[in-house]
């Protein structure tokens, strides 16, 4: 009644194996986020070879139950296939990241309400700098800008988010996150 979406994280395996889980997910919520199915390791386990079978099953469920979907997550230090973690040049990391974003967001363009584009760049207790990842170590902090721009180009109508956790517990991490988002907005990053 308030116009707010109420959702949960869902896994396709439980939708298939647990009737109660599927019933509650399809009747009590109007929004969901795939828990693992849209992460890099699941969607592009090998360079340029996308597998959308698990997230497509979730999208079919969403369509059948008139649910909105938030894609999660395009660029994250965790849940990466080994081939991404092993990249060691600016050119290779950038090409892989942009191809991945274009491939995944492009596949779901017009079907997903929002995306968590970049996930958890700051360490909890040491937010003075970014978490050292294949993305940050090869591209610097502007990998974040590039990821948002690529996601917007792949689906200009999707809402785009930076995602993190425990900001209320770590004031320095909160300040770093606010500074990051402020910088992105001031730079015109979508």
N, C-alpha and C. Protein backbone atom coordinates (compact mmCIF):
# COMPACT_ATOMS: atom_id res chain seq x y z
N UNK A 1 0.82 -1.20 0.00
CA UNK A 1 0.00 0.00 0.00
C UNK A 1 0.86 1.26 0.00
N UNK A 2 2.06 1.18 0.56
CA UNK A 2 2.94 2.35 0.64
C UNK A 2 3.71 2.58 -0.64
N UNK A 3 3.68 1.62 -1.55
CA UNK A 3 4.46 1.73 -2.77
C UNK A 3 5.89 1.24 -2.62
N UNK A 4 6.24 0.77 -1.44
CA UNK A 4 7.60 0.24 -1.21
C UNK A 4 7.63 -1.23 -1.61
N UNK A 5 8.74 -1.61 -2.20
CA UNK A 5 8.93 -3.02 -2.56
C UNK A 5 9.45 -3.78 -1.34
N UNK A 6 8.92 -4.96 -1.12
CA UNK A 6 9.36 -5.82 -0.03
C UNK A 6 9.95 -7.08 -0.66
N UNK A 7 11.19 -7.40 -0.31
CA UNK A 7 11.83 -8.51 -0.98
C UNK A 7 12.72 -9.34 -0.09
N UNK A 8 13.39 -10.28 -0.73
CA UNK A 8 14.29 -11.21 -0.06
C UNK A 8 15.31 -11.71 -1.08
N UNK A 9 16.37 -12.33 -0.58
CA UNK A 9 17.32 -13.02 -1.45
C UNK A 9 16.77 -14.42 -1.70
N UNK A 10 16.81 -14.85 -2.95
CA UNK A 10 16.30 -16.17 -3.31
C UNK A 10 17.36 -16.99 -4.03
N UNK A 11 17.25 -18.32 -3.89
CA UNK A 11 18.10 -19.26 -4.62
C UNK A 11 17.22 -20.16 -5.47
N UNK A 12 17.63 -20.36 -6.71
CA UNK A 12 16.82 -21.16 -7.64
C UNK A 12 16.69 -22.61 -7.17
N UNK A 13 17.71 -23.15 -6.52
CA UNK A 13 17.62 -24.55 -6.09
C UNK A 13 16.50 -24.75 -5.08
N UNK A 14 16.29 -23.79 -4.18
CA UNK A 14 15.22 -23.90 -3.19
C UNK A 14 13.85 -23.71 -3.83
N UNK A 15 13.78 -22.89 -4.86
CA UNK A 15 12.49 -22.72 -5.54
C UNK A 15 12.03 -24.04 -6.15
N UNK A 16 13.00 -24.85 -6.57
CA UNK A 16 12.69 -26.14 -7.19
C UNK A 16 12.43 -27.21 -6.12
N UNK A 17 13.25 -27.21 -5.08
CA UNK A 17 13.21 -28.33 -4.12
C UNK A 17 12.30 -28.11 -2.92
N UNK A 18 11.86 -26.89 -2.66
CA UNK A 18 11.08 -26.62 -1.45
C UNK A 18 9.81 -25.86 -1.82
N UNK A 19 8.71 -26.59 -1.80
CA UNK A 19 7.42 -26.03 -2.22
C UNK A 19 7.01 -24.83 -1.35
N UNK A 20 7.22 -24.94 -0.05
CA UNK A 20 6.85 -23.85 0.86
C UNK A 20 7.69 -22.60 0.57
N UNK A 21 8.98 -22.79 0.37
CA UNK A 21 9.88 -21.68 0.03
C UNK A 21 9.37 -20.96 -1.21
N UNK A 22 9.04 -21.73 -2.24
CA UNK A 22 8.56 -21.14 -3.49
C UNK A 22 7.22 -20.44 -3.29
N UNK A 23 6.33 -21.04 -2.52
CA UNK A 23 5.02 -20.44 -2.29
C UNK A 23 5.14 -19.11 -1.55
N UNK A 24 5.95 -19.08 -0.50
CA UNK A 24 6.14 -17.84 0.25
C UNK A 24 6.83 -16.79 -0.62
N UNK A 25 7.84 -17.19 -1.34
CA UNK A 25 8.55 -16.24 -2.21
C UNK A 25 7.63 -15.64 -3.26
N UNK A 26 6.73 -16.44 -3.79
CA UNK A 26 5.85 -15.97 -4.86
C UNK A 26 4.62 -15.21 -4.40
N UNK A 27 4.29 -15.32 -3.10
CA UNK A 27 3.06 -14.66 -2.62
C UNK A 27 3.31 -13.55 -1.61
N UNK A 28 4.41 -13.61 -0.87
CA UNK A 28 4.63 -12.65 0.20
C UNK A 28 5.57 -11.50 -0.17
N UNK A 29 6.20 -11.60 -1.31
CA UNK A 29 7.15 -10.56 -1.72
C UNK A 29 6.78 -10.03 -3.09
N UNK A 30 7.30 -8.84 -3.40
CA UNK A 30 7.10 -8.29 -4.74
C UNK A 30 8.43 -7.95 -5.40
N UNK A 31 9.53 -8.36 -4.75
CA UNK A 31 10.87 -7.97 -5.20
C UNK A 31 11.84 -9.01 -4.66
N UNK A 32 12.86 -9.37 -5.42
CA UNK A 32 13.89 -10.24 -4.86
C UNK A 32 15.23 -10.01 -5.53
N UNK A 33 16.25 -10.50 -4.84
CA UNK A 33 17.62 -10.45 -5.31
C UNK A 33 18.14 -11.88 -5.39
N UNK A 34 18.66 -12.31 -6.54
CA UNK A 34 19.28 -13.63 -6.61
C UNK A 34 20.48 -13.70 -5.66
N UNK A 35 20.51 -14.72 -4.83
CA UNK A 35 21.58 -14.80 -3.84
C UNK A 35 22.94 -15.10 -4.48
N UNK A 36 23.03 -16.08 -5.38
CA UNK A 36 24.31 -16.45 -5.99
C UNK A 36 24.26 -16.53 -7.51
N UNK A 37 23.11 -16.70 -8.07
CA UNK A 37 22.99 -17.06 -9.47
C UNK A 37 23.50 -16.02 -10.47
N UNK A 38 23.58 -14.76 -10.08
CA UNK A 38 24.03 -13.72 -11.02
C UNK A 38 25.45 -13.26 -10.76
N UNK A 39 26.11 -13.90 -9.83
CA UNK A 39 27.50 -13.52 -9.56
C UNK A 39 28.40 -14.04 -10.69
N UNK A 40 29.56 -13.46 -10.80
CA UNK A 40 30.46 -13.71 -11.93
C UNK A 40 30.78 -15.19 -12.07
N UNK A 41 31.12 -15.84 -10.99
CA UNK A 41 31.49 -17.26 -11.02
C UNK A 41 30.37 -18.11 -11.63
N UNK A 42 29.13 -17.72 -11.38
CA UNK A 42 27.99 -18.49 -11.88
C UNK A 42 27.63 -18.14 -13.32
N UNK A 43 27.80 -16.88 -13.69
CA UNK A 43 27.33 -16.45 -15.02
C UNK A 43 28.40 -16.52 -16.10
N UNK A 44 29.67 -16.42 -15.74
CA UNK A 44 30.74 -16.49 -16.74
C UNK A 44 31.93 -17.28 -16.19
N UNK A 45 31.75 -18.59 -16.03
CA UNK A 45 32.80 -19.39 -15.42
C UNK A 45 34.07 -19.48 -16.26
N UNK A 46 33.94 -19.26 -17.56
CA UNK A 46 35.08 -19.28 -18.48
C UNK A 46 35.02 -18.01 -19.32
N UNK A 47 36.16 -17.51 -19.75
CA UNK A 47 36.17 -16.23 -20.48
C UNK A 47 35.21 -16.22 -21.66
N UNK A 48 34.26 -15.28 -21.62
CA UNK A 48 33.34 -15.10 -22.73
C UNK A 48 32.28 -16.17 -22.89
N UNK A 49 32.25 -17.16 -22.00
CA UNK A 49 31.26 -18.24 -22.07
C UNK A 49 30.25 -18.06 -20.95
N UNK A 50 29.12 -17.48 -21.29
CA UNK A 50 28.11 -17.16 -20.29
C UNK A 50 27.15 -18.34 -20.10
N UNK A 51 26.72 -18.51 -18.86
CA UNK A 51 25.73 -19.52 -18.52
C UNK A 51 24.63 -18.83 -17.72
N UNK A 52 23.49 -18.64 -18.35
CA UNK A 52 22.38 -17.96 -17.71
C UNK A 52 21.28 -18.92 -17.26
N UNK A 53 21.56 -20.20 -17.23
CA UNK A 53 20.50 -21.16 -16.90
C UNK A 53 19.92 -20.94 -15.50
N UNK A 54 20.75 -20.79 -14.48
CA UNK A 54 20.23 -20.60 -13.12
C UNK A 54 19.55 -19.24 -12.96
N UNK A 55 20.16 -18.14 -13.40
CA UNK A 55 19.44 -16.87 -13.25
C UNK A 55 18.20 -16.79 -14.14
N UNK A 56 18.22 -17.44 -15.28
CA UNK A 56 17.01 -17.46 -16.12
C UNK A 56 15.86 -18.17 -15.42
N UNK A 57 16.18 -19.21 -14.64
CA UNK A 57 15.13 -19.91 -13.88
C UNK A 57 14.51 -18.95 -12.86
N UNK A 58 15.34 -18.13 -12.23
CA UNK A 58 14.82 -17.14 -11.30
C UNK A 58 13.99 -16.08 -12.03
N UNK A 59 14.44 -15.68 -13.19
CA UNK A 59 13.70 -14.67 -13.96
C UNK A 59 12.35 -15.23 -14.41
N UNK A 60 12.30 -16.51 -14.75
CA UNK A 60 11.02 -17.15 -15.10
C UNK A 60 10.07 -17.14 -13.90
N UNK A 61 10.61 -17.43 -12.72
CA UNK A 61 9.82 -17.39 -11.49
C UNK A 61 9.29 -15.97 -11.26
N UNK A 62 10.16 -14.98 -11.45
CA UNK A 62 9.76 -13.58 -11.26
C UNK A 62 8.63 -13.21 -12.21
N UNK A 63 8.75 -13.60 -13.46
CA UNK A 63 7.71 -13.27 -14.44
C UNK A 63 6.39 -13.95 -14.07
N UNK A 64 6.47 -15.20 -13.70
CA UNK A 64 5.26 -15.96 -13.36
C UNK A 64 4.54 -15.36 -12.15
N UNK A 65 5.30 -14.77 -11.21
CA UNK A 65 4.71 -14.24 -9.97
C UNK A 65 4.69 -12.71 -9.94
N UNK A 66 4.97 -12.08 -11.07
CA UNK A 66 4.94 -10.62 -11.18
C UNK A 66 5.85 -9.95 -10.14
N UNK A 67 7.07 -10.47 -10.03
CA UNK A 67 8.05 -9.94 -9.09
C UNK A 67 9.10 -9.10 -9.82
N UNK A 68 9.54 -8.05 -9.17
CA UNK A 68 10.64 -7.25 -9.69
C UNK A 68 11.94 -7.87 -9.18
N UNK A 69 13.04 -7.63 -9.93
CA UNK A 69 14.32 -8.26 -9.60
C UNK A 69 15.43 -7.21 -9.51
N UNK A 70 16.28 -7.39 -8.50
CA UNK A 70 17.51 -6.60 -8.38
C UNK A 70 18.68 -7.55 -8.65
N UNK A 71 19.42 -7.31 -9.72
CA UNK A 71 20.57 -8.15 -10.06
C UNK A 71 21.71 -7.92 -9.08
N UNK A 72 22.36 -9.01 -8.70
CA UNK A 72 23.42 -8.93 -7.69
C UNK A 72 24.48 -9.97 -8.00
N UNK A 73 25.67 -9.66 -8.12
CA UNK A 73 26.35 -8.40 -8.24
C UNK A 73 27.32 -8.51 -9.40
N UNK A 74 27.61 -7.42 -10.05
CA UNK A 74 28.42 -7.48 -11.27
C UNK A 74 29.92 -7.51 -10.99
N UNK A 75 30.41 -6.65 -10.10
CA UNK A 75 31.85 -6.58 -9.82
C UNK A 75 32.05 -6.70 -8.31
N UNK A 76 32.68 -7.79 -7.91
CA UNK A 76 32.92 -8.09 -6.50
C UNK A 76 34.21 -8.89 -6.41
N UNK A 77 34.92 -8.71 -5.33
CA UNK A 77 36.19 -9.42 -5.13
C UNK A 77 35.99 -10.90 -4.82
N UNK A 78 34.81 -11.25 -4.40
CA UNK A 78 34.51 -12.62 -4.00
C UNK A 78 33.68 -13.29 -5.08
N UNK A 79 33.66 -14.57 -5.11
CA UNK A 79 32.85 -15.33 -6.08
C UNK A 79 33.29 -15.07 -7.52
N UNK A 80 34.59 -14.92 -7.69
CA UNK A 80 35.16 -14.75 -9.03
C UNK A 80 35.70 -16.09 -9.52
N UNK A 81 35.55 -16.38 -10.80
CA UNK A 81 36.23 -17.57 -11.33
C UNK A 81 37.75 -17.33 -11.31
N UNK A 82 38.51 -18.38 -11.22
CA UNK A 82 39.97 -18.27 -11.13
C UNK A 82 40.56 -17.50 -12.30
N UNK A 83 39.98 -17.64 -13.49
CA UNK A 83 40.55 -16.96 -14.65
C UNK A 83 40.54 -15.44 -14.49
N UNK A 84 39.55 -14.91 -13.76
CA UNK A 84 39.50 -13.46 -13.54
C UNK A 84 40.55 -13.07 -12.50
N UNK A 85 40.60 -13.81 -11.42
CA UNK A 85 41.57 -13.52 -10.36
C UNK A 85 43.00 -13.59 -10.86
N UNK A 86 43.25 -14.40 -11.88
CA UNK A 86 44.60 -14.57 -12.42
C UNK A 86 45.01 -13.51 -13.43
N UNK A 87 44.09 -12.65 -13.84
CA UNK A 87 44.44 -11.59 -14.79
C UNK A 87 45.40 -10.62 -14.12
N UNK A 88 46.37 -10.12 -14.90
CA UNK A 88 47.39 -9.28 -14.26
C UNK A 88 47.81 -8.07 -15.07
N UNK A 89 47.02 -7.69 -16.06
CA UNK A 89 47.34 -6.46 -16.78
C UNK A 89 46.10 -5.57 -16.80
N UNK A 90 46.34 -4.28 -16.86
CA UNK A 90 45.24 -3.31 -16.91
C UNK A 90 44.31 -3.61 -18.09
N UNK A 91 44.90 -3.88 -19.24
CA UNK A 91 44.11 -4.13 -20.44
C UNK A 91 43.23 -5.37 -20.30
N UNK A 92 43.79 -6.45 -19.76
CA UNK A 92 43.02 -7.69 -19.63
C UNK A 92 41.91 -7.58 -18.58
N UNK A 93 42.21 -6.93 -17.46
CA UNK A 93 41.20 -6.77 -16.41
C UNK A 93 40.06 -5.89 -16.91
N UNK A 94 40.41 -4.78 -17.53
CA UNK A 94 39.37 -3.88 -18.05
C UNK A 94 38.49 -4.60 -19.08
N UNK A 95 39.11 -5.29 -20.01
CA UNK A 95 38.35 -5.98 -21.06
C UNK A 95 37.43 -7.03 -20.45
N UNK A 96 37.93 -7.80 -19.49
CA UNK A 96 37.11 -8.83 -18.85
C UNK A 96 35.94 -8.20 -18.10
N UNK A 97 36.22 -7.15 -17.33
CA UNK A 97 35.17 -6.51 -16.54
C UNK A 97 34.08 -5.92 -17.44
N UNK A 98 34.49 -5.18 -18.44
CA UNK A 98 33.51 -4.53 -19.32
C UNK A 98 32.72 -5.56 -20.13
N UNK A 99 33.38 -6.60 -20.61
CA UNK A 99 32.69 -7.66 -21.34
C UNK A 99 31.67 -8.37 -20.45
N UNK A 100 32.08 -8.61 -19.21
CA UNK A 100 31.17 -9.29 -18.28
C UNK A 100 29.93 -8.44 -18.01
N UNK A 101 30.14 -7.19 -17.71
CA UNK A 101 29.00 -6.30 -17.43
C UNK A 101 28.09 -6.20 -18.64
N UNK A 102 28.67 -5.98 -19.81
CA UNK A 102 27.85 -5.87 -21.02
C UNK A 102 27.11 -7.18 -21.30
N UNK A 103 27.76 -8.31 -21.07
CA UNK A 103 27.13 -9.60 -21.33
C UNK A 103 25.97 -9.89 -20.39
N UNK A 104 26.17 -9.65 -19.11
CA UNK A 104 25.14 -9.97 -18.12
C UNK A 104 24.01 -8.94 -18.15
N UNK A 105 24.36 -7.67 -18.04
CA UNK A 105 23.31 -6.64 -18.04
C UNK A 105 22.60 -6.63 -19.38
N UNK A 106 23.35 -6.79 -20.46
CA UNK A 106 22.72 -6.83 -21.78
C UNK A 106 21.74 -7.97 -21.92
N UNK A 107 22.06 -9.12 -21.35
CA UNK A 107 21.16 -10.28 -21.41
C UNK A 107 19.82 -9.99 -20.74
N UNK A 108 19.86 -9.20 -19.68
CA UNK A 108 18.65 -8.91 -18.91
C UNK A 108 18.12 -7.49 -19.09
N UNK A 109 18.63 -6.78 -20.07
CA UNK A 109 18.20 -5.39 -20.28
C UNK A 109 16.69 -5.31 -20.42
N UNK A 110 16.11 -4.38 -19.68
CA UNK A 110 14.67 -4.18 -19.72
C UNK A 110 13.88 -5.14 -18.84
N UNK A 111 14.56 -6.13 -18.24
CA UNK A 111 13.87 -7.12 -17.42
C UNK A 111 14.20 -7.00 -15.93
N UNK A 112 15.26 -6.28 -15.62
CA UNK A 112 15.71 -6.15 -14.23
C UNK A 112 15.57 -4.69 -13.82
N UNK A 113 14.95 -4.47 -12.67
CA UNK A 113 14.71 -3.12 -12.17
C UNK A 113 16.00 -2.42 -11.78
N UNK A 114 16.90 -3.14 -11.12
CA UNK A 114 18.09 -2.52 -10.54
C UNK A 114 19.25 -3.52 -10.50
N UNK A 115 20.46 -2.96 -10.41
CA UNK A 115 21.67 -3.78 -10.31
C UNK A 115 22.54 -3.29 -9.17
N UNK A 116 23.10 -4.21 -8.39
CA UNK A 116 24.25 -3.91 -7.55
C UNK A 116 25.44 -4.02 -8.50
N UNK A 117 25.97 -2.88 -8.87
CA UNK A 117 27.03 -2.85 -9.89
C UNK A 117 28.37 -3.21 -9.28
N UNK A 118 28.74 -2.52 -8.21
CA UNK A 118 30.01 -2.78 -7.53
C UNK A 118 29.67 -3.07 -6.07
N UNK A 119 30.37 -4.05 -5.51
CA UNK A 119 30.05 -4.58 -4.19
C UNK A 119 31.27 -4.55 -3.29
N UNK A 120 31.14 -3.92 -2.12
CA UNK A 120 32.08 -4.06 -1.01
C UNK A 120 33.53 -3.73 -1.36
N UNK A 121 33.81 -2.50 -1.71
CA UNK A 121 35.19 -2.14 -2.06
C UNK A 121 36.05 -1.80 -0.86
N UNK A 122 35.45 -1.52 0.30
CA UNK A 122 36.23 -1.12 1.47
C UNK A 122 36.34 -2.24 2.49
N UNK A 123 37.53 -2.34 3.08
CA UNK A 123 37.73 -3.25 4.22
C UNK A 123 36.96 -2.69 5.41
N UNK A 124 36.49 -3.56 6.28
CA UNK A 124 35.71 -3.09 7.43
C UNK A 124 36.50 -2.15 8.34
N UNK A 125 37.67 -2.56 8.74
CA UNK A 125 38.42 -1.81 9.75
C UNK A 125 39.55 -0.98 9.16
N UNK A 126 39.66 -0.94 7.86
CA UNK A 126 40.73 -0.17 7.23
C UNK A 126 40.22 0.48 5.95
N UNK A 127 39.23 1.36 6.07
CA UNK A 127 38.64 1.94 4.86
C UNK A 127 39.43 3.11 4.28
N UNK A 128 40.64 3.34 4.78
CA UNK A 128 41.41 4.46 4.24
C UNK A 128 41.75 4.24 2.77
N UNK A 129 41.67 3.01 2.33
CA UNK A 129 41.92 2.69 0.94
C UNK A 129 40.99 1.58 0.51
N UNK A 130 40.97 1.33 -0.76
CA UNK A 130 40.12 0.26 -1.27
C UNK A 130 40.69 -1.10 -0.92
N UNK A 131 39.81 -2.07 -0.89
CA UNK A 131 40.21 -3.46 -0.71
C UNK A 131 41.08 -3.83 -1.92
N UNK A 132 42.17 -4.52 -1.68
CA UNK A 132 43.04 -4.92 -2.80
C UNK A 132 42.41 -6.10 -3.52
N UNK A 133 42.04 -5.86 -4.76
CA UNK A 133 41.40 -6.85 -5.61
C UNK A 133 42.05 -6.80 -6.98
N UNK A 134 41.72 -7.75 -7.81
CA UNK A 134 42.23 -7.74 -9.18
C UNK A 134 41.79 -6.46 -9.89
N UNK A 135 40.64 -5.92 -9.54
CA UNK A 135 40.14 -4.70 -10.18
C UNK A 135 40.89 -3.47 -9.69
N UNK A 136 40.96 -3.30 -8.38
CA UNK A 136 41.62 -2.13 -7.82
C UNK A 136 43.12 -2.16 -8.12
N UNK A 137 43.74 -3.30 -7.97
CA UNK A 137 45.19 -3.37 -8.15
C UNK A 137 45.62 -3.11 -9.59
N UNK A 138 44.76 -3.39 -10.55
CA UNK A 138 45.12 -3.19 -11.96
C UNK A 138 44.54 -1.91 -12.57
N UNK A 139 43.39 -1.45 -12.05
CA UNK A 139 42.71 -0.30 -12.66
C UNK A 139 42.61 0.91 -11.75
N UNK A 140 42.91 0.76 -10.48
CA UNK A 140 42.73 1.85 -9.54
C UNK A 140 41.25 2.05 -9.22
N UNK A 141 40.97 3.07 -8.41
CA UNK A 141 39.59 3.29 -7.96
C UNK A 141 38.63 3.58 -9.10
N UNK A 142 39.13 4.05 -10.23
CA UNK A 142 38.21 4.39 -11.33
C UNK A 142 37.59 3.17 -12.00
N UNK A 143 37.98 1.96 -11.57
CA UNK A 143 37.25 0.79 -12.08
C UNK A 143 35.78 0.89 -11.70
N UNK A 144 35.50 1.54 -10.58
CA UNK A 144 34.12 1.71 -10.13
C UNK A 144 33.35 2.58 -11.12
N UNK A 145 33.94 3.68 -11.52
CA UNK A 145 33.32 4.57 -12.51
C UNK A 145 33.03 3.81 -13.80
N UNK A 146 34.04 3.09 -14.26
CA UNK A 146 33.91 2.35 -15.53
C UNK A 146 32.80 1.29 -15.45
N UNK A 147 32.69 0.64 -14.31
CA UNK A 147 31.67 -0.39 -14.14
C UNK A 147 30.27 0.22 -14.21
N UNK A 148 30.06 1.34 -13.54
CA UNK A 148 28.75 1.99 -13.57
C UNK A 148 28.41 2.50 -14.97
N UNK A 149 29.38 3.06 -15.64
CA UNK A 149 29.15 3.56 -17.00
C UNK A 149 28.78 2.40 -17.92
N UNK A 150 29.50 1.30 -17.82
CA UNK A 150 29.21 0.13 -18.67
C UNK A 150 27.82 -0.43 -18.38
N UNK A 151 27.44 -0.51 -17.11
CA UNK A 151 26.12 -1.03 -16.76
C UNK A 151 25.03 -0.11 -17.30
N UNK A 152 25.24 1.19 -17.20
CA UNK A 152 24.25 2.14 -17.72
C UNK A 152 24.13 2.04 -19.24
N UNK A 153 25.25 1.86 -19.91
CA UNK A 153 25.21 1.71 -21.37
C UNK A 153 24.47 0.43 -21.77
N UNK A 154 24.63 -0.63 -20.99
CA UNK A 154 23.98 -1.90 -21.32
C UNK A 154 22.48 -1.88 -21.04
N UNK A 155 22.04 -1.09 -20.06
CA UNK A 155 20.61 -0.95 -19.75
C UNK A 155 20.38 0.42 -19.13
N UNK A 156 20.12 1.44 -19.97
CA UNK A 156 19.97 2.81 -19.48
C UNK A 156 18.80 3.02 -18.51
N UNK A 157 17.85 2.11 -18.48
CA UNK A 157 16.68 2.29 -17.61
C UNK A 157 16.83 1.64 -16.24
N UNK A 158 17.83 0.82 -16.04
CA UNK A 158 18.01 0.14 -14.76
C UNK A 158 18.57 1.11 -13.71
N UNK A 159 18.10 0.94 -12.49
CA UNK A 159 18.68 1.67 -11.36
C UNK A 159 20.00 1.01 -11.02
N UNK A 160 21.01 1.80 -10.67
CA UNK A 160 22.34 1.27 -10.41
C UNK A 160 22.77 1.62 -8.99
N UNK A 161 23.30 0.61 -8.28
CA UNK A 161 23.67 0.79 -6.88
C UNK A 161 25.09 0.35 -6.60
N UNK A 162 25.69 1.04 -5.61
CA UNK A 162 26.88 0.55 -4.94
C UNK A 162 26.36 -0.18 -3.71
N UNK A 163 26.83 -1.39 -3.44
CA UNK A 163 26.33 -2.20 -2.34
C UNK A 163 27.44 -2.45 -1.31
N UNK A 164 27.08 -2.34 -0.04
CA UNK A 164 28.02 -2.65 1.03
C UNK A 164 27.25 -3.06 2.28
N UNK A 165 27.94 -3.35 3.33
CA UNK A 165 27.31 -3.83 4.56
C UNK A 165 28.01 -3.22 5.77
N UNK A 166 27.34 -3.25 6.91
CA UNK A 166 27.88 -2.84 8.21
C UNK A 166 28.42 -1.42 8.25
N UNK A 167 27.89 -0.54 7.43
CA UNK A 167 28.36 0.85 7.46
C UNK A 167 28.05 1.49 8.80
N UNK A 168 26.97 1.07 9.45
CA UNK A 168 26.61 1.64 10.74
C UNK A 168 27.57 1.21 11.86
N UNK A 169 28.33 0.15 11.63
CA UNK A 169 29.27 -0.35 12.63
C UNK A 169 30.66 0.25 12.51
N UNK A 170 31.00 0.73 11.34
CA UNK A 170 32.35 1.23 11.08
C UNK A 170 32.26 2.65 10.52
N UNK A 171 32.34 3.65 11.41
CA UNK A 171 32.19 5.05 10.96
C UNK A 171 33.16 5.45 9.85
N UNK A 172 34.40 4.97 9.90
CA UNK A 172 35.36 5.32 8.84
C UNK A 172 34.94 4.73 7.50
N UNK A 173 34.40 3.51 7.55
CA UNK A 173 33.92 2.87 6.33
C UNK A 173 32.71 3.64 5.78
N UNK A 174 31.83 4.07 6.66
CA UNK A 174 30.69 4.89 6.24
C UNK A 174 31.17 6.17 5.58
N UNK A 175 32.13 6.86 6.21
CA UNK A 175 32.65 8.11 5.64
C UNK A 175 33.28 7.87 4.28
N UNK A 176 34.03 6.78 4.15
CA UNK A 176 34.67 6.46 2.86
C UNK A 176 33.63 6.17 1.80
N UNK A 177 32.56 5.49 2.18
CA UNK A 177 31.49 5.16 1.23
C UNK A 177 30.76 6.42 0.78
N UNK A 178 30.44 7.28 1.73
CA UNK A 178 29.79 8.55 1.38
C UNK A 178 30.69 9.37 0.46
N UNK A 179 31.97 9.41 0.75
CA UNK A 179 32.91 10.15 -0.12
C UNK A 179 32.96 9.54 -1.52
N UNK A 180 32.96 8.21 -1.60
CA UNK A 180 32.98 7.55 -2.90
C UNK A 180 31.73 7.90 -3.71
N UNK A 181 30.57 7.74 -3.10
CA UNK A 181 29.31 8.01 -3.81
C UNK A 181 29.23 9.48 -4.19
N UNK A 182 29.65 10.36 -3.31
CA UNK A 182 29.65 11.80 -3.62
C UNK A 182 30.54 12.07 -4.83
N UNK A 183 31.74 11.48 -4.83
CA UNK A 183 32.67 11.67 -5.96
C UNK A 183 32.05 11.17 -7.26
N UNK A 184 31.43 9.99 -7.22
CA UNK A 184 30.82 9.44 -8.41
C UNK A 184 29.71 10.35 -8.93
N UNK A 185 28.85 10.81 -8.05
CA UNK A 185 27.75 11.69 -8.46
C UNK A 185 28.27 13.02 -9.03
N UNK A 186 29.27 13.58 -8.35
CA UNK A 186 29.83 14.84 -8.83
C UNK A 186 30.52 14.69 -10.19
N UNK A 187 31.02 13.49 -10.47
CA UNK A 187 31.68 13.23 -11.75
C UNK A 187 30.67 12.86 -12.85
N UNK A 188 29.39 12.80 -12.49
CA UNK A 188 28.36 12.46 -13.46
C UNK A 188 28.26 10.99 -13.79
N UNK A 189 28.82 10.14 -12.92
CA UNK A 189 28.74 8.69 -13.13
C UNK A 189 27.31 8.25 -12.84
N UNK A 190 26.70 7.51 -13.77
CA UNK A 190 25.30 7.11 -13.53
C UNK A 190 25.17 6.12 -12.36
